[in-house]
Each structure stands twice: as structure tokens, then as C-alpha cells.
């Protein structure tokens, strides 16, 4: 399963949470990984609709050989530690205030559960 969000997500969240810097140069050009895999002779499926994920996975698991599943995920979904780390929370707030792309969407995601309790006061 290839998680696709068109960003260097791990680097993006390290910049914001570990360093307190806004996201910088983490956006990638969209790549159709399923098409690349298909071009290499591999069966490839896309999971870009949450309502269809189960069907896509059943289809992949029923295939007798290797399969690549390209799963589109939200690039602004917070990558949070299991417990609140005060320095990370402060760094993230500073990064969002300094103009991180997608800051509005990140704040929206942080206001939802379980993110709210993981990073909240």
C-alpha cells in the first residue's frame, strides 16, 4: 500500500513540530504511482474514495500475485505523537502562525478528535 499525499509528509511535520519552522519545499509534483506500477507489469489499484477502500483492499488481496494499492490521504492530517509533548505543540503553533501552507486545514484537523486530545492542553 502506497500512501499518497503529494508531499514529503514526514519532513513537513518534522519542520513544523521539531523545529517550529513553517513547511518549506515539501510539496511534490503529483505522481500516478498506480500508472507507474502498471507500466512495470504490476497490478495496481487506487483507493481515493474512503467509501470504496474496503472493496479496493478485498480486490487487491484476492489477486494471486503482487498488487500495488495507491491510497490517497490528506496531506494536512496531523502526524502526532501518541502523547502531548509540550515543545512539539509550541513549535507547531509557531509554524502555523508563520505561514505554513495549508495552515487552515491543519488547524481544522487539530480541532477534531483524536488530534484534539493528543495535542490539546
PDB file of N, CA and C in Angstrom:
ATOM      1  N   UNK A   1       0.864  -1.172   0.000  1.00  0.00           N
ATOM      2  CA  UNK A   1       0.000   0.000   0.000  1.00  0.00           C
ATOM      3  C   UNK A   1       0.900   1.221   0.000  1.00  0.00           C
ATOM      4  N   UNK A   2       0.704   2.076  -0.997  1.00  0.00           N
ATOM      5  CA  UNK A   2       1.460   3.314  -1.142  1.00  0.00           C
ATOM      6  C   UNK A   2       0.557   4.445  -0.675  1.00  0.00           C
ATOM      7  N   UNK A   3       0.952   5.112   0.415  1.00  0.00           N
ATOM      8  CA  UNK A   3       0.191   6.267   0.893  1.00  0.00           C
ATOM      9  C   UNK A   3       0.628   7.479   0.090  1.00  0.00           C
ATOM     10  N   UNK A   4      -0.329   8.116  -0.574  1.00  0.00           N
ATOM     11  CA  UNK A   4      -0.016   9.232  -1.465  1.00  0.00           C
ATOM     12  C   UNK A   4      -0.669  10.506  -0.960  1.00  0.00           C
ATOM     13  N   UNK A   5       0.157  11.535  -0.727  1.00  0.00           N
ATOM     14  CA  UNK A   5      -0.386  12.842  -0.353  1.00  0.00           C
ATOM     15  C   UNK A   5       0.333  13.983  -1.068  1.00  0.00           C
ATOM     16  N   UNK A   6       1.157  13.647  -2.035  1.00  0.00           N
ATOM     17  CA  UNK A   6       1.875  14.633  -2.847  1.00  0.00           C
ATOM     18  C   UNK A   6       2.762  15.562  -2.026  1.00  0.00           C
ATOM     19  N   UNK A   7       3.246  15.083  -0.890  1.00  0.00           N
ATOM     20  CA  UNK A   7       4.191  15.853  -0.075  1.00  0.00           C
ATOM     21  C   UNK A   7       5.234  14.912   0.511  1.00  0.00           C
ATOM     22  N   UNK A   8       6.304  15.503   0.970  1.00  0.00           N
ATOM     23  CA  UNK A   8       7.263  14.788   1.818  1.00  0.00           C
ATOM     24  C   UNK A   8       6.744  14.964   3.245  1.00  0.00           C
ATOM     25  N   UNK A   9       5.715  14.198   3.576  1.00  0.00           N
ATOM     26  CA  UNK A   9       4.952  14.426   4.807  1.00  0.00           C
ATOM     27  C   UNK A   9       5.815  14.342   6.063  1.00  0.00           C
ATOM     28  N   UNK A  10       6.656  13.356   6.151  1.00  0.00           N
ATOM     29  CA  UNK A  10       7.486  13.212   7.358  1.00  0.00           C
ATOM     30  C   UNK A  10       8.372  14.445   7.546  1.00  0.00           C
ATOM     31  N   UNK A  11       8.968  14.906   6.459  1.00  0.00           N
ATOM     32  CA  UNK A  11       9.823  16.092   6.529  1.00  0.00           C
ATOM     33  C   UNK A  11       8.990  17.321   6.907  1.00  0.00           C
ATOM     34  N   UNK A  12       7.815  17.444   6.300  1.00  0.00           N
ATOM     35  CA  UNK A  12       6.912  18.574   6.585  1.00  0.00           C
ATOM     36  C   UNK A  12       6.628  18.663   8.082  1.00  0.00           C
ATOM     37  N   UNK A  13       6.246  17.549   8.696  1.00  0.00           N
ATOM     38  CA  UNK A  13       5.875  17.576  10.106  1.00  0.00           C
ATOM     39  C   UNK A  13       7.092  17.725  11.005  1.00  0.00           C
ATOM     40  N   UNK A  14       8.246  17.219  10.580  1.00  0.00           N
ATOM     41  CA  UNK A  14       9.471  17.447  11.351  1.00  0.00           C
ATOM     42  C   UNK A  14       9.829  18.927  11.343  1.00  0.00           C
ATOM     43  N   UNK A  15       9.690  19.569  10.172  1.00  0.00           N
ATOM     44  CA  UNK A  15       9.977  21.003  10.107  1.00  0.00           C
ATOM     45  C   UNK A  15       9.099  21.773  11.088  1.00  0.00           C
ATOM     46  N   UNK A  16       7.825  21.442  11.120  1.00  0.00           N
ATOM     47  CA  UNK A  16       6.889  22.201  11.951  1.00  0.00           C
ATOM     48  C   UNK A  16       6.989  21.832  13.423  1.00  0.00           C
ATOM     49  N   UNK A  17       6.966  20.533  13.747  1.00  0.00           N
ATOM     50  CA  UNK A  17       6.871  20.129  15.151  1.00  0.00           C
ATOM     51  C   UNK A  17       8.222  20.082  15.858  1.00  0.00           C
ATOM     52  N   UNK A  18       9.260  19.618  15.180  1.00  0.00           N
ATOM     53  CA  UNK A  18      10.561  19.524  15.840  1.00  0.00           C
ATOM     54  C   UNK A  18      11.277  20.873  15.859  1.00  0.00           C
ATOM     55  N   UNK A  19      11.135  21.633  14.759  1.00  0.00           N
ATOM     56  CA  UNK A  19      11.901  22.865  14.617  1.00  0.00           C
ATOM     57  C   UNK A  19      11.085  24.133  14.803  1.00  0.00           C
ATOM     58  N   UNK A  20       9.755  24.053  14.655  1.00  0.00           N
ATOM     59  CA  UNK A  20       8.915  25.237  14.754  1.00  0.00           C
ATOM     60  C   UNK A  20       8.957  26.108  13.512  1.00  0.00           C
ATOM     61  N   UNK A  21       9.430  25.547  12.404  1.00  0.00           N
ATOM     62  CA  UNK A  21       9.504  26.295  11.154  1.00  0.00           C
ATOM     63  C   UNK A  21       8.285  26.000  10.294  1.00  0.00           C
ATOM     64  N   UNK A  22       7.887  26.959   9.458  1.00  0.00           N
ATOM     65  CA  UNK A  22       6.810  26.645   8.524  1.00  0.00           C
ATOM     66  C   UNK A  22       7.277  25.592   7.530  1.00  0.00           C
ATOM     67  N   UNK A  23       6.331  24.884   6.964  1.00  0.00           N
ATOM     68  CA  UNK A  23       6.664  23.909   5.918  1.00  0.00           C
ATOM     69  C   UNK A  23       7.409  24.625   4.802  1.00  0.00           C
ATOM     70  N   UNK A  24       8.479  24.016   4.316  1.00  0.00           N
ATOM     71  CA  UNK A  24       9.266  24.617   3.251  1.00  0.00           C
ATOM     72  C   UNK A  24       9.691  23.551   2.266  1.00  0.00           C
ATOM     73  N   UNK A  25       9.266  23.725   1.012  1.00  0.00           N
ATOM     74  CA  UNK A  25       9.707  22.880  -0.097  1.00  0.00           C
ATOM     75  C   UNK A  25       9.414  21.393   0.121  1.00  0.00           C
ATOM     76  N   UNK A  26       8.228  21.083   0.617  1.00  0.00           N
ATOM     77  CA  UNK A  26       7.853  19.680   0.820  1.00  0.00           C
ATOM     78  C   UNK A  26       6.824  19.187  -0.188  1.00  0.00           C
ATOM     79  N   UNK A  27       6.236  20.101  -0.955  1.00  0.00           N
ATOM     80  CA  UNK A  27       5.232  19.699  -1.942  1.00  0.00           C
ATOM     81  C   UNK A  27       5.908  18.991  -3.112  1.00  0.00           C
ATOM     82  N   UNK A  28       5.295  17.914  -3.555  1.00  0.00           N
ATOM     83  CA  UNK A  28       5.799  17.148  -4.692  1.00  0.00           C
ATOM     84  C   UNK A  28       4.855  17.310  -5.876  1.00  0.00           C
ATOM     85  N   UNK A  29       5.383  17.123  -7.058  1.00  0.00           N
ATOM     86  CA  UNK A  29       4.522  17.041  -8.233  1.00  0.00           C
ATOM     87  C   UNK A  29       3.709  15.760  -8.113  1.00  0.00           C
ATOM     88  N   UNK A  30       2.429  15.803  -8.456  1.00  0.00           N
ATOM     89  CA  UNK A  30       1.627  14.581  -8.366  1.00  0.00           C
ATOM     90  C   UNK A  30       2.211  13.470  -9.244  1.00  0.00           C
ATOM     91  N   UNK A  31       2.337  12.305  -8.662  1.00  0.00           N
ATOM     92  CA  UNK A  31       2.828  11.126  -9.373  1.00  0.00           C
ATOM     93  C   UNK A  31       1.721  10.087  -9.356  1.00  0.00           C
ATOM     94  N   UNK A  32       1.443   9.509 -10.482  1.00  0.00           N
ATOM     95  CA  UNK A  32       0.455   8.434 -10.564  1.00  0.00           C
ATOM     96  C   UNK A  32       1.196   7.115 -10.348  1.00  0.00           C
ATOM     97  N   UNK A  33       1.358   6.733  -9.080  1.00  0.00           N
ATOM     98  CA  UNK A  33       2.104   5.525  -8.744  1.00  0.00           C
ATOM     99  C   UNK A  33       1.442   4.277  -9.313  1.00  0.00           C
ATOM    100  N   UNK A  34       0.121   4.278  -9.388  1.00  0.00           N
ATOM    101  CA  UNK A  34      -0.587   3.130  -9.959  1.00  0.00           C
ATOM    102  C   UNK A  34      -0.230   2.973 -11.433  1.00  0.00           C
ATOM    103  N   UNK A  35      -0.137   4.078 -12.160  1.00  0.00           N
ATOM    104  CA  UNK A  35       0.236   4.006 -13.574  1.00  0.00           C
ATOM    105  C   UNK A  35       1.674   3.524 -13.732  1.00  0.00           C
ATOM    106  N   UNK A  36       2.562   3.986 -12.871  1.00  0.00           N
ATOM    107  CA  UNK A  36       3.956   3.538 -12.928  1.00  0.00           C
ATOM    108  C   UNK A  36       4.029   2.042 -12.660  1.00  0.00           C
ATOM    109  N   UNK A  37       3.347   1.589 -11.623  1.00  0.00           N
ATOM    110  CA  UNK A  37       3.349   0.155 -11.298  1.00  0.00           C
ATOM    111  C   UNK A  37       2.758  -0.652 -12.448  1.00  0.00           C
ATOM    112  N   UNK A  38       1.643  -0.168 -13.015  1.00  0.00           N
ATOM    113  CA  UNK A  38       1.042  -0.857 -14.153  1.00  0.00           C
ATOM    114  C   UNK A  38       1.984  -0.922 -15.335  1.00  0.00           C
ATOM    115  N   UNK A  39       2.747   0.152 -15.570  1.00  0.00           N
ATOM    116  CA  UNK A  39       3.724   0.175 -16.652  1.00  0.00           C
ATOM    117  C   UNK A  39       4.851  -0.820 -16.449  1.00  0.00           C
ATOM    118  N   UNK A  40       5.066  -1.205 -15.205  1.00  0.00           N
ATOM    119  CA  UNK A  40       6.099  -2.207 -14.889  1.00  0.00           C
ATOM    120  C   UNK A  40       5.515  -3.616 -14.845  1.00  0.00           C
ATOM    121  N   UNK A  41       4.258  -3.749 -15.204  1.00  0.00           N
ATOM    122  CA  UNK A  41       3.629  -5.062 -15.251  1.00  0.00           C
ATOM    123  C   UNK A  41       2.983  -5.507 -13.955  1.00  0.00           C
ATOM    124  N   UNK A  42       2.886  -4.632 -12.981  1.00  0.00           N
ATOM    125  CA  UNK A  42       2.298  -4.970 -11.688  1.00  0.00           C
ATOM    126  C   UNK A  42       0.815  -4.588 -11.693  1.00  0.00           C
ATOM    127  N   UNK A  43      -0.003  -5.381 -11.071  1.00  0.00           N
ATOM    128  CA  UNK A  43      -1.409  -4.996 -10.918  1.00  0.00           C
ATOM    129  C   UNK A  43      -1.448  -3.815  -9.958  1.00  0.00           C
ATOM    130  N   UNK A  44      -2.211  -2.781 -10.313  1.00  0.00           N
ATOM    131  CA  UNK A  44      -2.260  -1.566  -9.498  1.00  0.00           C
ATOM    132  C   UNK A  44      -3.690  -1.086  -9.372  1.00  0.00           C
ATOM    133  N   UNK A  45      -4.040  -0.697  -8.161  1.00  0.00           N
ATOM    134  CA  UNK A  45      -5.380  -0.197  -7.850  1.00  0.00           C
ATOM    135  C   UNK A  45      -5.248   1.127  -7.119  1.00  0.00           C
ATOM    136  N   UNK A  46      -6.312   1.930  -7.196  1.00  0.00           N
ATOM    137  CA  UNK A  46      -6.334   3.214  -6.490  1.00  0.00           C
ATOM    138  C   UNK A  46      -7.438   3.212  -5.450  1.00  0.00           C
ATOM    139  N   UNK A  47      -7.100   3.708  -4.264  1.00  0.00           N
ATOM    140  CA  UNK A  47      -8.076   3.901  -3.188  1.00  0.00           C
ATOM    141  C   UNK A  47      -8.101   5.394  -2.898  1.00  0.00           C
ATOM    142  N   UNK A  48      -8.995   6.098  -3.585  1.00  0.00           N
ATOM    143  CA  UNK A  48      -9.070   7.541  -3.380  1.00  0.00           C
ATOM    144  C   UNK A  48     -10.438   7.984  -2.873  1.00  0.00           C
ATOM    145  N   UNK A  49     -11.295   6.999  -2.582  1.00  0.00           N
ATOM    146  CA  UNK A  49     -12.615   7.268  -2.018  1.00  0.00           C
ATOM    147  C   UNK A  49     -12.758   6.414  -0.760  1.00  0.00           C
ATOM    148  N   UNK A  50     -12.852   7.038   0.427  1.00  0.00           N
ATOM    149  CA  UNK A  50     -12.937   6.253   1.661  1.00  0.00           C
ATOM    150  C   UNK A  50     -14.059   5.218   1.654  1.00  0.00           C
ATOM    151  N   UNK A  51     -15.141   5.512   0.985  1.00  0.00           N
ATOM    152  CA  UNK A  51     -16.273   4.574   0.938  1.00  0.00           C
ATOM    153  C   UNK A  51     -15.938   3.307   0.155  1.00  0.00           C
ATOM    154  N   UNK A  52     -14.919   3.369  -0.686  1.00  0.00           N
ATOM    155  CA  UNK A  52     -14.563   2.211  -1.514  1.00  0.00           C
ATOM    156  C   UNK A  52     -13.300   1.489  -1.043  1.00  0.00           C
ATOM    157  N   UNK A  53     -12.668   1.946   0.025  1.00  0.00           N
ATOM    158  CA  UNK A  53     -11.403   1.350   0.474  1.00  0.00           C
ATOM    159  C   UNK A  53     -11.518  -0.148   0.723  1.00  0.00           C
ATOM    160  N   UNK A  54     -12.588  -0.562   1.386  1.00  0.00           N
ATOM    161  CA  UNK A  54     -12.769  -1.988   1.660  1.00  0.00           C
ATOM    162  C   UNK A  54     -12.814  -2.807   0.386  1.00  0.00           C
ATOM    163  N   UNK A  55     -13.554  -2.342  -0.608  1.00  0.00           N
ATOM    164  CA  UNK A  55     -13.644  -3.047  -1.883  1.00  0.00           C
ATOM    165  C   UNK A  55     -12.292  -3.120  -2.575  1.00  0.00           C
ATOM    166  N   UNK A  56     -11.557  -2.011  -2.559  1.00  0.00           N
ATOM    167  CA  UNK A  56     -10.241  -1.982  -3.210  1.00  0.00           C
ATOM    168  C   UNK A  56      -9.303  -2.976  -2.524  1.00  0.00           C
ATOM    169  N   UNK A  57      -9.302  -2.995  -1.188  1.00  0.00           N
ATOM    170  CA  UNK A  57      -8.417  -3.924  -0.464  1.00  0.00           C
ATOM    171  C   UNK A  57      -8.824  -5.375  -0.688  1.00  0.00           C
ATOM    172  N   UNK A  58     -10.112  -5.656  -0.696  1.00  0.00           N
ATOM    173  CA  UNK A  58     -10.560  -7.028  -0.991  1.00  0.00           C
ATOM    174  C   UNK A  58     -10.116  -7.453  -2.384  1.00  0.00           C
ATOM    175  N   UNK A  59     -10.244  -6.554  -3.329  1.00  0.00           N
ATOM    176  CA  UNK A  59      -9.819  -6.826  -4.694  1.00  0.00           C
ATOM    177  C   UNK A  59      -8.314  -7.112  -4.735  1.00  0.00           C
ATOM    178  N   UNK A  60      -7.529  -6.290  -4.047  1.00  0.00           N
ATOM    179  CA  UNK A  60      -6.074  -6.482  -4.023  1.00  0.00           C
ATOM    180  C   UNK A  60      -5.700  -7.808  -3.371  1.00  0.00           C
ATOM    181  N   UNK A  61      -6.339  -8.120  -2.250  1.00  0.00           N
ATOM    182  CA  UNK A  61      -5.994  -9.347  -1.532  1.00  0.00           C
ATOM    183  C   UNK A  61      -6.462 -10.604  -2.247  1.00  0.00           C
ATOM    184  N   UNK A  62      -7.449 -10.482  -3.130  1.00  0.00           N
ATOM    185  CA  UNK A  62      -7.919 -11.665  -3.864  1.00  0.00           C
ATOM    186  C   UNK A  62      -7.051 -11.965  -5.082  1.00  0.00           C
ATOM    187  N   UNK A  63      -6.200 -11.036  -5.467  1.00  0.00           N
ATOM    188  CA  UNK A  63      -5.318 -11.250  -6.627  1.00  0.00           C
ATOM    189  C   UNK A  63      -4.210 -12.235  -6.236  1.00  0.00           C
ATOM    190  N   UNK A  64      -3.883 -13.190  -7.093  1.00  0.00           N
ATOM    191  CA  UNK A  64      -2.889 -14.209  -6.736  1.00  0.00           C
ATOM    192  C   UNK A  64      -1.442 -13.720  -6.714  1.00  0.00           C
ATOM    193  N   UNK A  65      -1.172 -12.552  -7.206  1.00  0.00           N
ATOM    194  CA  UNK A  65       0.208 -12.055  -7.223  1.00  0.00           C
ATOM    195  C   UNK A  65       0.324 -10.721  -6.523  1.00  0.00           C
ATOM    196  N   UNK A  66       1.461 -10.060  -6.712  1.00  0.00           N
ATOM    197  CA  UNK A  66       1.669  -8.766  -6.060  1.00  0.00           C
ATOM    198  C   UNK A  66       0.756  -7.684  -6.634  1.00  0.00           C
ATOM    199  N   UNK A  67       0.375  -6.774  -5.758  1.00  0.00           N
ATOM    200  CA  UNK A  67      -0.513  -5.666  -6.131  1.00  0.00           C
ATOM    201  C   UNK A  67      -0.018  -4.410  -5.427  1.00  0.00           C
ATOM    202  N   UNK A  68      -0.068  -3.292  -6.143  1.00  0.00           N
ATOM    203  CA  UNK A  68       0.194  -2.003  -5.509  1.00  0.00           C
ATOM    204  C   UNK A  68      -1.147  -1.302  -5.353  1.00  0.00           C
ATOM    205  N   UNK A  69      -1.432  -0.838  -4.131  1.00  0.00           N
ATOM    206  CA  UNK A  69      -2.629  -0.034  -3.875  1.00  0.00           C
ATOM    207  C   UNK A  69      -2.151   1.372  -3.571  1.00  0.00           C
ATOM    208  N   UNK A  70      -2.524   2.298  -4.430  1.00  0.00           N
ATOM    209  CA  UNK A  70      -2.216   3.711  -4.218  1.00  0.00           C
ATOM    210  C   UNK A  70      -3.361   4.314  -3.409  1.00  0.00           C
ATOM    211  N   UNK A  71      -3.102   4.629  -2.142  1.00  0.00           N
ATOM    212  CA  UNK A  71      -4.126   5.163  -1.243  1.00  0.00           C
ATOM    213  C   UNK A  71      -3.892   6.658  -1.035  1.00  0.00           C
ATOM    214  N   UNK A  72      -4.822   7.462  -1.503  1.00  0.00           N
ATOM    215  CA  UNK A  72      -4.708   8.913  -1.357  1.00  0.00           C
ATOM    216  C   UNK A  72      -5.125   9.301   0.059  1.00  0.00           C
ATOM    217  N   UNK A  73      -4.249  10.051   0.732  1.00  0.00           N
ATOM    218  CA  UNK A  73      -4.518  10.513   2.096  1.00  0.00           C
ATOM    219  C   UNK A  73      -4.362  12.036   2.152  1.00  0.00           C
ATOM    220  N   UNK A  74      -4.913  12.648   3.189  1.00  0.00           N
ATOM    221  CA  UNK A  74      -4.903  14.096   3.366  1.00  0.00           C
ATOM    222  C   UNK A  74      -3.515  14.565   3.808  1.00  0.00           C
ATOM    223  N   UNK A  75      -2.900  15.422   3.023  1.00  0.00           N
ATOM    224  CA  UNK A  75      -1.562  15.936   3.344  1.00  0.00           C
ATOM    225  C   UNK A  75      -1.567  16.825   4.586  1.00  0.00           C
ATOM    226  N   UNK A  76      -2.727  17.319   4.976  1.00  0.00           N
ATOM    227  CA  UNK A  76      -2.808  18.206   6.135  1.00  0.00           C
ATOM    228  C   UNK A  76      -3.314  17.509   7.391  1.00  0.00           C
ATOM    229  N   UNK A  77      -3.404  16.196   7.349  1.00  0.00           N
ATOM    230  CA  UNK A  77      -3.776  15.439   8.544  1.00  0.00           C
ATOM    231  C   UNK A  77      -2.562  15.396   9.464  1.00  0.00           C
ATOM    232  N   UNK A  78      -2.675  15.880  10.689  1.00  0.00           N
ATOM    233  CA  UNK A  78      -1.509  15.974  11.571  1.00  0.00           C
ATOM    234  C   UNK A  78      -0.864  14.615  11.872  1.00  0.00           C
ATOM    235  N   UNK A  79       0.443  14.614  11.837  1.00  0.00           N
ATOM    236  CA  UNK A  79       1.234  13.453  12.222  1.00  0.00           C
ATOM    237  C   UNK A  79       1.649  13.701  13.672  1.00  0.00           C
ATOM    238  N   UNK A  80       0.869  13.156  14.607  1.00  0.00           N
ATOM    239  CA  UNK A  80       1.051  13.490  16.017  1.00  0.00           C
ATOM    240  C   UNK A  80       1.631  12.331  16.812  1.00  0.00           C
ATOM    241  N   UNK A  81       2.412  12.652  17.838  1.00  0.00           N
ATOM    242  CA  UNK A  81       2.882  11.604  18.747  1.00  0.00           C
ATOM    243  C   UNK A  81       1.715  11.099  19.591  1.00  0.00           C
ATOM    244  N   UNK A  82       1.833   9.908  20.188  1.00  0.00           N
ATOM    245  CA  UNK A  82       0.726   9.366  20.974  1.00  0.00           C
ATOM    246  C   UNK A  82       0.421  10.168  22.238  1.00  0.00           C
ATOM    247  N   UNK A  83       1.391  10.912  22.744  1.00  0.00           N
ATOM    248  CA  UNK A  83       1.180  11.746  23.921  1.00  0.00           C
ATOM    249  C   UNK A  83       1.646  13.156  23.606  1.00  0.00           C
ATOM    250  N   UNK A  84       1.004  14.116  24.260  1.00  0.00           N
ATOM    251  CA  UNK A  84       1.380  15.518  24.050  1.00  0.00           C
ATOM    252  C   UNK A  84       2.809  15.750  24.522  1.00  0.00           C
ATOM    253  N   UNK A  85       3.591  16.368  23.661  1.00  0.00           N
ATOM    254  CA  UNK A  85       4.932  16.827  24.009  1.00  0.00           C
ATOM    255  C   UNK A  85       4.879  18.342  23.884  1.00  0.00           C
ATOM    256  N   UNK A  86       5.004  19.019  24.985  1.00  0.00           N
ATOM    257  CA  UNK A  86       4.773  20.466  25.036  1.00  0.00           C
ATOM    258  C   UNK A  86       5.589  21.217  23.994  1.00  0.00           C
ATOM    259  N   UNK A  87       6.850  20.879  23.841  1.00  0.00           N
ATOM    260  CA  UNK A  87       7.693  21.592  22.874  1.00  0.00           C
ATOM    261  C   UNK A  87       7.166  21.425  21.454  1.00  0.00           C
ATOM    262  N   UNK A  88       6.681  20.225  21.108  1.00  0.00           N
ATOM    263  CA  UNK A  88       6.124  19.992  19.771  1.00  0.00           C
ATOM    264  C   UNK A  88       4.874  20.830  19.555  1.00  0.00           C
ATOM    265  N   UNK A  89       4.022  20.913  20.581  1.00  0.00           N
ATOM    266  CA  UNK A  89       2.795  21.703  20.466  1.00  0.00           C
ATOM    267  C   UNK A  89       3.129  23.178  20.252  1.00  0.00           C
ATOM    268  N   UNK A  90       4.105  23.688  20.985  1.00  0.00           N
ATOM    269  CA  UNK A  90       4.512  25.082  20.836  1.00  0.00           C
ATOM    270  C   UNK A  90       5.139  25.329  19.469  1.00  0.00           C
ATOM    271  N   UNK A  91       5.997  24.409  19.036  1.00  0.00           N
ATOM    272  CA  UNK A  91       6.635  24.551  17.730  1.00  0.00           C
ATOM    273  C   UNK A  91       5.602  24.539  16.606  1.00  0.00           C
ATOM    274  N   UNK A  92       4.634  23.627  16.696  1.00  0.00           N
ATOM    275  CA  UNK A  92       3.614  23.541  15.669  1.00  0.00           C
ATOM    276  C   UNK A  92       2.804  24.838  15.603  1.00  0.00           C
ATOM    277  N   UNK A  93       2.427  25.374  16.747  1.00  0.00           N
ATOM    278  CA  UNK A  93       1.672  26.633  16.772  1.00  0.00           C
ATOM    279  C   UNK A  93       2.477  27.752  16.133  1.00  0.00           C
ATOM    280  N   UNK A  94       3.759  27.821  16.453  1.00  0.00           N
ATOM    281  CA  UNK A  94       4.625  28.858  15.873  1.00  0.00           C
ATOM    282  C   UNK A  94       4.728  28.689  14.358  1.00  0.00           C
ATOM    283  N   UNK A  95       4.877  27.444  13.897  1.00  0.00           N
ATOM    284  CA  UNK A  95       4.980  27.184  12.460  1.00  0.00           C
ATOM    285  C   UNK A  95       3.700  27.583  11.733  1.00  0.00           C
ATOM    286  N   UNK A  96       2.551  27.290  12.326  1.00  0.00           N
ATOM    287  CA  UNK A  96       1.283  27.654  11.701  1.00  0.00           C
ATOM    288  C   UNK A  96       1.118  29.170  11.637  1.00  0.00           C
ATOM    289  N   UNK A  97       1.536  29.852  12.682  1.00  0.00           N
ATOM    290  CA  UNK A  97       1.430  31.314  12.716  1.00  0.00           C
ATOM    291  C   UNK A  97       2.356  31.981  11.701  1.00  0.00           C
ATOM    292  N   UNK A  98       3.448  31.301  11.332  1.00  0.00           N
ATOM    293  CA  UNK A  98       4.433  31.878  10.413  1.00  0.00           C
ATOM    294  C   UNK A  98       4.083  31.644   8.947  1.00  0.00           C
ATOM    295  N   UNK A  99       2.951  31.015   8.677  1.00  0.00           N
ATOM    296  CA  UNK A  99       2.527  30.911   7.292  1.00  0.00           C
ATOM    297  C   UNK A  99       2.712  29.566   6.628  1.00  0.00           C
ATOM    298  N   UNK A 100       2.620  28.498   7.365  1.00  0.00           N
ATOM    299  CA  UNK A 100       2.689  27.168   6.758  1.00  0.00           C
ATOM    300  C   UNK A 100       1.566  26.996   5.741  1.00  0.00           C
ATOM    301  N   UNK A 101       1.876  26.525   4.533  1.00  0.00           N
ATOM    302  CA  UNK A 101       0.811  26.250   3.566  1.00  0.00           C
ATOM    303  C   UNK A 101      -0.185  25.240   4.142  1.00  0.00           C
ATOM    304  N   UNK A 102      -1.463  25.504   3.931  1.00  0.00           N
ATOM    305  CA  UNK A 102      -2.494  24.598   4.438  1.00  0.00           C
ATOM    306  C   UNK A 102      -2.772  24.766   5.921  1.00  0.00           C
ATOM    307  N   UNK A 103      -2.325  25.868   6.520  1.00  0.00           N
ATOM    308  CA  UNK A 103      -2.486  26.065   7.965  1.00  0.00           C
ATOM    309  C   UNK A 103      -3.942  25.975   8.396  1.00  0.00           C
ATOM    310  N   UNK A 104      -4.844  26.518   7.592  1.00  0.00           N
ATOM    311  CA  UNK A 104      -6.268  26.471   7.938  1.00  0.00           C
ATOM    312  C   UNK A 104      -6.753  25.024   8.034  1.00  0.00           C
ATOM    313  N   UNK A 105      -6.385  24.197   7.054  1.00  0.00           N
ATOM    314  CA  UNK A 105      -6.800  22.795   7.056  1.00  0.00           C
ATOM    315  C   UNK A 105      -6.159  22.029   8.209  1.00  0.00           C
ATOM    316  N   UNK A 106      -4.914  22.366   8.530  1.00  0.00           N
ATOM    317  CA  UNK A 106      -4.235  21.707   9.648  1.00  0.00           C
ATOM    318  C   UNK A 106      -4.935  22.068  10.958  1.00  0.00           C
ATOM    319  N   UNK A 107      -5.274  23.341  11.133  1.00  0.00           N
ATOM    320  CA  UNK A 107      -5.989  23.749  12.352  1.00  0.00           C
ATOM    321  C   UNK A 107      -7.340  23.045  12.455  1.00  0.00           C
ATOM    322  N   UNK A 108      -8.028  22.899  11.318  1.00  0.00           N
ATOM    323  CA  UNK A 108      -9.310  22.191  11.314  1.00  0.00           C
ATOM    324  C   UNK A 108      -9.113  20.753  11.767  1.00  0.00           C
ATOM    325  N   UNK A 109      -8.092  20.090  11.245  1.00  0.00           N
ATOM    326  CA  UNK A 109      -7.837  18.697  11.629  1.00  0.00           C
ATOM    327  C   UNK A 109      -7.441  18.594  13.100  1.00  0.00           C
ATOM    328  N   UNK A 110      -6.695  19.567  13.602  1.00  0.00           N
ATOM    329  CA  UNK A 110      -6.285  19.555  15.011  1.00  0.00           C
ATOM    330  C   UNK A 110      -7.465  19.739  15.952  1.00  0.00           C
ATOM    331  N   UNK A 111      -8.530  20.358  15.465  1.00  0.00           N
ATOM    332  CA  UNK A 111      -9.712  20.587  16.298  1.00  0.00           C
ATOM    333  C   UNK A 111     -10.592  19.347  16.409  1.00  0.00           C
ATOM    334  N   UNK A 112     -10.312  18.330  15.596  1.00  0.00           N
ATOM    335  CA  UNK A 112     -11.106  17.106  15.608  1.00  0.00           C
ATOM    336  C   UNK A 112     -10.482  16.073  16.538  1.00  0.00           C
ATOM    337  N   UNK A 113     -11.278  15.133  16.945  1.00  0.00           N
ATOM    338  CA  UNK A 113     -10.756  14.008  17.720  1.00  0.00           C
ATOM    339  C   UNK A 113     -10.137  13.005  16.764  1.00  0.00           C
ATOM    340  N   UNK A 114      -9.096  12.266  17.127  1.00  0.00           N
ATOM    341  CA  UNK A 114      -8.417  12.289  18.429  1.00  0.00           C
ATOM    342  C   UNK A 114      -7.328  13.347  18.541  1.00  0.00           C
ATOM    343  N   UNK A 115      -7.086  14.097  17.466  1.00  0.00           N
ATOM    344  CA  UNK A 115      -5.998  15.082  17.498  1.00  0.00           C
ATOM    345  C   UNK A 115      -6.171  16.068  18.640  1.00  0.00           C
ATOM    346  N   UNK A 116      -7.387  16.489  18.905  1.00  0.00           N
ATOM    347  CA  UNK A 116      -7.644  17.495  19.933  1.00  0.00           C
ATOM    348  C   UNK A 116      -7.107  17.042  21.292  1.00  0.00           C
ATOM    349  N   UNK A 117      -7.334  15.807  21.646  1.00  0.00           N
ATOM    350  CA  UNK A 117      -6.875  15.340  22.948  1.00  0.00           C
ATOM    351  C   UNK A 117      -5.402  14.970  22.934  1.00  0.00           C
ATOM    352  N   UNK A 118      -4.862  14.638  21.766  1.00  0.00           N
ATOM    353  CA  UNK A 118      -3.458  14.278  21.697  1.00  0.00           C
ATOM    354  C   UNK A 118      -2.549  15.489  21.775  1.00  0.00           C
ATOM    355  N   UNK A 119      -3.001  16.629  21.263  1.00  0.00           N
ATOM    356  CA  UNK A 119      -2.156  17.806  21.228  1.00  0.00           C
ATOM    357  C   UNK A 119      -2.709  18.937  22.087  1.00  0.00           C
ATOM    358  N   UNK A 120      -3.935  18.789  22.549  1.00  0.00           N
ATOM    359  CA  UNK A 120      -4.554  19.852  23.357  1.00  0.00           C
ATOM    360  C   UNK A 120      -3.968  19.967  24.740  1.00  0.00           C
ATOM    361  N   UNK A 121      -4.346  21.041  25.401  1.00  0.00           N
ATOM    362  CA  UNK A 121      -3.858  21.282  26.773  1.00  0.00           C
ATOM    363  C   UNK A 121      -4.448  20.290  27.750  1.00  0.00           C
TER     364      UNK A 121
END
